[in-house]
Each structure stands twice: as structure tokens, then as C-alpha cells.
């Protein structure tokens, strides 16, 4: 079965976007034990399994970037949000691992 690629943003580009006044909403879909180790500033933490029940917390009129450890779970969540009618959603390519490698090497990743 062919799965459509989801829109992505590279860590360096997201870092630039987060410096702007109109910054995207970050949604971290990792589990609480993972976000206890590290989380990007101002990220809304909604574990992947809770996302369907918490859709009302997400604005459809704002850019949303989904984040996980490697980009796989957040990619699936990006696809899910697109199916739910969200149009301004992107996946953080490579997840927190890529963020730590390219933007913030001091950031621990669980």
C-alpha cells in the first residue's frame, strides 16, 4: 500500500521559525517518560494514543509541527491530522534525535 508522504520541516528550519513572532505550535507526541527527559520549549505534550481524544485542543488555523523521538510517530500523527481536516501540519524530520544532532547537541533524548 502506498502511503502519501507527509509535509516535513527540517530541524534547522524549525529553529528559525521558532525565533519568529508567528511561531508554529509544537505538539510532542512522545510518552510522558520521554518528555520528562527533554521537550522543546512551549511544546504541547499529547501522547500519540491520546491525540484522537484531544483534537479540540489543536487550532486548525495555526501552523502545527508534530514531534517525536525519530519522526516516525509524529509522521503518523501528521497523517492522522491531515485526515481530520487539518491543513497546516508538518512533521519534524528526524524528530528529537535530529534536533539534538543539528540544533542543540546538549539536549538529552530518550
C-alpha atoms as a PDB file:
ATOM      1  CA  UNK A   1       0.000   0.000   0.000  1.00  0.00           C
ATOM      2  CA  UNK A   2       1.344   3.433  -0.951  1.00  0.00           C
ATOM      3  CA  UNK A   3       1.448   5.936   1.903  1.00  0.00           C
ATOM      4  CA  UNK A   4       1.496   9.580   0.963  1.00  0.00           C
ATOM      5  CA  UNK A   5       4.485  11.439   2.313  1.00  0.00           C
ATOM      6  CA  UNK A   6       3.620  13.973   4.942  1.00  0.00           C
ATOM      7  CA  UNK A   7       4.791  17.578   4.934  1.00  0.00           C
ATOM      8  CA  UNK A   8       8.041  17.894   6.886  1.00  0.00           C
ATOM      9  CA  UNK A   9      10.258  20.582   8.317  1.00  0.00           C
ATOM     10  CA  UNK A  10      13.984  20.164   8.909  1.00  0.00           C
ATOM     11  CA  UNK A  11      15.262  20.922  12.419  1.00  0.00           C
ATOM     12  CA  UNK A  12      17.360  23.905  11.321  1.00  0.00           C
ATOM     13  CA  UNK A  13      14.369  25.453   9.519  1.00  0.00           C
ATOM     14  CA  UNK A  14      12.129  24.902  12.536  1.00  0.00           C
ATOM     15  CA  UNK A  15      14.722  26.541  14.780  1.00  0.00           C
ATOM     16  CA  UNK A  16      14.492  29.630  12.546  1.00  0.00           C
ATOM     17  CA  UNK A  17      10.681  29.573  12.609  1.00  0.00           C
ATOM     18  CA  UNK A  18      10.679  29.386  16.407  1.00  0.00           C
ATOM     19  CA  UNK A  19      12.518  32.718  16.542  1.00  0.00           C
ATOM     20  CA  UNK A  20       9.676  34.467  14.699  1.00  0.00           C
ATOM     21  CA  UNK A  21       6.668  36.107  16.349  1.00  0.00           C
ATOM     22  CA  UNK A  22       4.271  33.861  14.376  1.00  0.00           C
ATOM     23  CA  UNK A  23       5.769  30.621  15.564  1.00  0.00           C
ATOM     24  CA  UNK A  24       4.163  27.226  14.955  1.00  0.00           C
ATOM     25  CA  UNK A  25       2.532  25.254  17.730  1.00  0.00           C
ATOM     26  CA  UNK A  26       4.738  22.321  18.691  1.00  0.00           C
ATOM     27  CA  UNK A  27       2.933  19.113  19.616  1.00  0.00           C
ATOM     28  CA  UNK A  28       5.146  16.438  21.158  1.00  0.00           C
ATOM     29  CA  UNK A  29       3.509  13.019  20.753  1.00  0.00           C
ATOM     30  CA  UNK A  30       6.039  11.058  22.830  1.00  0.00           C
ATOM     31  CA  UNK A  31       5.147   9.291  26.059  1.00  0.00           C
ATOM     32  CA  UNK A  32       5.457  11.102  29.423  1.00  0.00           C
ATOM     33  CA  UNK A  33       8.637   9.199  30.361  1.00  0.00           C
ATOM     34  CA  UNK A  34      10.256  10.532  27.172  1.00  0.00           C
ATOM     35  CA  UNK A  35       9.111  14.138  27.589  1.00  0.00           C
ATOM     36  CA  UNK A  36      10.349  14.025  31.195  1.00  0.00           C
ATOM     37  CA  UNK A  37      13.881  13.737  29.767  1.00  0.00           C
ATOM     38  CA  UNK A  38      13.570  16.614  27.308  1.00  0.00           C
ATOM     39  CA  UNK A  39      10.980  18.658  25.488  1.00  0.00           C
ATOM     40  CA  UNK A  40      11.187  21.666  23.200  1.00  0.00           C
ATOM     41  CA  UNK A  41      10.127  24.960  24.816  1.00  0.00           C
ATOM     42  CA  UNK A  42       6.385  25.633  24.844  1.00  0.00           C
ATOM     43  CA  UNK A  43       5.568  22.263  23.265  1.00  0.00           C
ATOM     44  CA  UNK A  44       2.143  20.863  23.985  1.00  0.00           C
ATOM     45  CA  UNK A  45       2.648  17.269  25.112  1.00  0.00           C
ATOM     46  CA  UNK A  46      -0.060  14.923  23.829  1.00  0.00           C
ATOM     47  CA  UNK A  47       0.958  11.261  23.690  1.00  0.00           C
ATOM     48  CA  UNK A  48       0.190   9.640  20.352  1.00  0.00           C
ATOM     49  CA  UNK A  49      -2.562   7.397  21.740  1.00  0.00           C
ATOM     50  CA  UNK A  50      -4.314  10.415  23.301  1.00  0.00           C
ATOM     51  CA  UNK A  51      -4.326  12.527  20.158  1.00  0.00           C
ATOM     52  CA  UNK A  52      -7.758  11.448  18.826  1.00  0.00           C
ATOM     53  CA  UNK A  53      -9.385  12.390  22.144  1.00  0.00           C
ATOM     54  CA  UNK A  54      -7.623  15.758  22.353  1.00  0.00           C
ATOM     55  CA  UNK A  55      -8.171  17.169  18.857  1.00  0.00           C
ATOM     56  CA  UNK A  56     -10.218  20.038  20.287  1.00  0.00           C
ATOM     57  CA  UNK A  57      -7.016  21.397  21.869  1.00  0.00           C
ATOM     58  CA  UNK A  58      -5.450  21.958  18.450  1.00  0.00           C
ATOM     59  CA  UNK A  59      -6.207  25.060  16.375  1.00  0.00           C
ATOM     60  CA  UNK A  60      -6.951  24.412  12.709  1.00  0.00           C
ATOM     61  CA  UNK A  61      -5.929  27.959  11.767  1.00  0.00           C
ATOM     62  CA  UNK A  62      -2.350  27.790  13.104  1.00  0.00           C
ATOM     63  CA  UNK A  63       0.767  26.026  11.854  1.00  0.00           C
ATOM     64  CA  UNK A  64       1.382  22.852  13.857  1.00  0.00           C
ATOM     65  CA  UNK A  65       4.623  20.861  13.943  1.00  0.00           C
ATOM     66  CA  UNK A  66       4.468  17.357  15.385  1.00  0.00           C
ATOM     67  CA  UNK A  67       7.490  15.993  17.226  1.00  0.00           C
ATOM     68  CA  UNK A  68       8.609  12.570  18.480  1.00  0.00           C
ATOM     69  CA  UNK A  69      11.924  10.811  19.026  1.00  0.00           C
ATOM     70  CA  UNK A  70      12.776   9.913  15.427  1.00  0.00           C
ATOM     71  CA  UNK A  71       9.941  11.305  13.307  1.00  0.00           C
ATOM     72  CA  UNK A  72       8.018   8.049  12.794  1.00  0.00           C
ATOM     73  CA  UNK A  73       5.249   8.513  15.376  1.00  0.00           C
ATOM     74  CA  UNK A  74       4.917  12.204  14.651  1.00  0.00           C
ATOM     75  CA  UNK A  75       4.747  11.389  10.937  1.00  0.00           C
ATOM     76  CA  UNK A  76       1.825   9.050  11.596  1.00  0.00           C
ATOM     77  CA  UNK A  77       0.177  11.745  13.732  1.00  0.00           C
ATOM     78  CA  UNK A  78       0.721  14.321  10.983  1.00  0.00           C
ATOM     79  CA  UNK A  79      -1.004  11.982   8.535  1.00  0.00           C
ATOM     80  CA  UNK A  80      -3.863  11.484  11.036  1.00  0.00           C
ATOM     81  CA  UNK A  81      -4.359  15.242  11.482  1.00  0.00           C
ATOM     82  CA  UNK A  82      -4.420  15.728   7.715  1.00  0.00           C
ATOM     83  CA  UNK A  83      -7.159  13.088   7.537  1.00  0.00           C
ATOM     84  CA  UNK A  84      -9.070  15.009  10.215  1.00  0.00           C
ATOM     85  CA  UNK A  85      -9.100  18.180   8.111  1.00  0.00           C
ATOM     86  CA  UNK A  86      -6.055  19.977   9.498  1.00  0.00           C
ATOM     87  CA  UNK A  87      -4.168  21.636   6.649  1.00  0.00           C
ATOM     88  CA  UNK A  88      -1.292  23.431   8.382  1.00  0.00           C
ATOM     89  CA  UNK A  89       0.551  20.453   9.869  1.00  0.00           C
ATOM     90  CA  UNK A  90       4.117  19.256   9.408  1.00  0.00           C
ATOM     91  CA  UNK A  91       6.346  16.592  10.877  1.00  0.00           C
ATOM     92  CA  UNK A  92       9.739  17.407  12.403  1.00  0.00           C
ATOM     93  CA  UNK A  93      12.010  15.386  10.115  1.00  0.00           C
ATOM     94  CA  UNK A  94      14.207  13.089  12.195  1.00  0.00           C
ATOM     95  CA  UNK A  95      12.459  14.096  15.423  1.00  0.00           C
ATOM     96  CA  UNK A  96      14.272  14.982  18.616  1.00  0.00           C
ATOM     97  CA  UNK A  97      17.267  12.889  17.554  1.00  0.00           C
ATOM     98  CA  UNK A  98      17.824  15.151  14.536  1.00  0.00           C
ATOM     99  CA  UNK A  99      17.105  18.264  16.613  1.00  0.00           C
ATOM    100  CA  UNK A 100      19.772  17.242  19.142  1.00  0.00           C
ATOM    101  CA  UNK A 101      22.281  16.463  16.380  1.00  0.00           C
ATOM    102  CA  UNK A 102      21.816  19.646  14.366  1.00  0.00           C
ATOM    103  CA  UNK A 103      20.348  22.349  16.613  1.00  0.00           C
ATOM    104  CA  UNK A 104      21.005  21.588  20.287  1.00  0.00           C
ATOM    105  CA  UNK A 105      23.726  18.975  20.907  1.00  0.00           C
ATOM    106  CA  UNK A 106      23.320  19.419  24.695  1.00  0.00           C
ATOM    107  CA  UNK A 107      19.706  18.204  24.593  1.00  0.00           C
ATOM    108  CA  UNK A 108      19.256  14.702  26.013  1.00  0.00           C
ATOM    109  CA  UNK A 109      16.973  12.429  24.008  1.00  0.00           C
ATOM    110  CA  UNK A 110      15.079   9.476  25.486  1.00  0.00           C
END
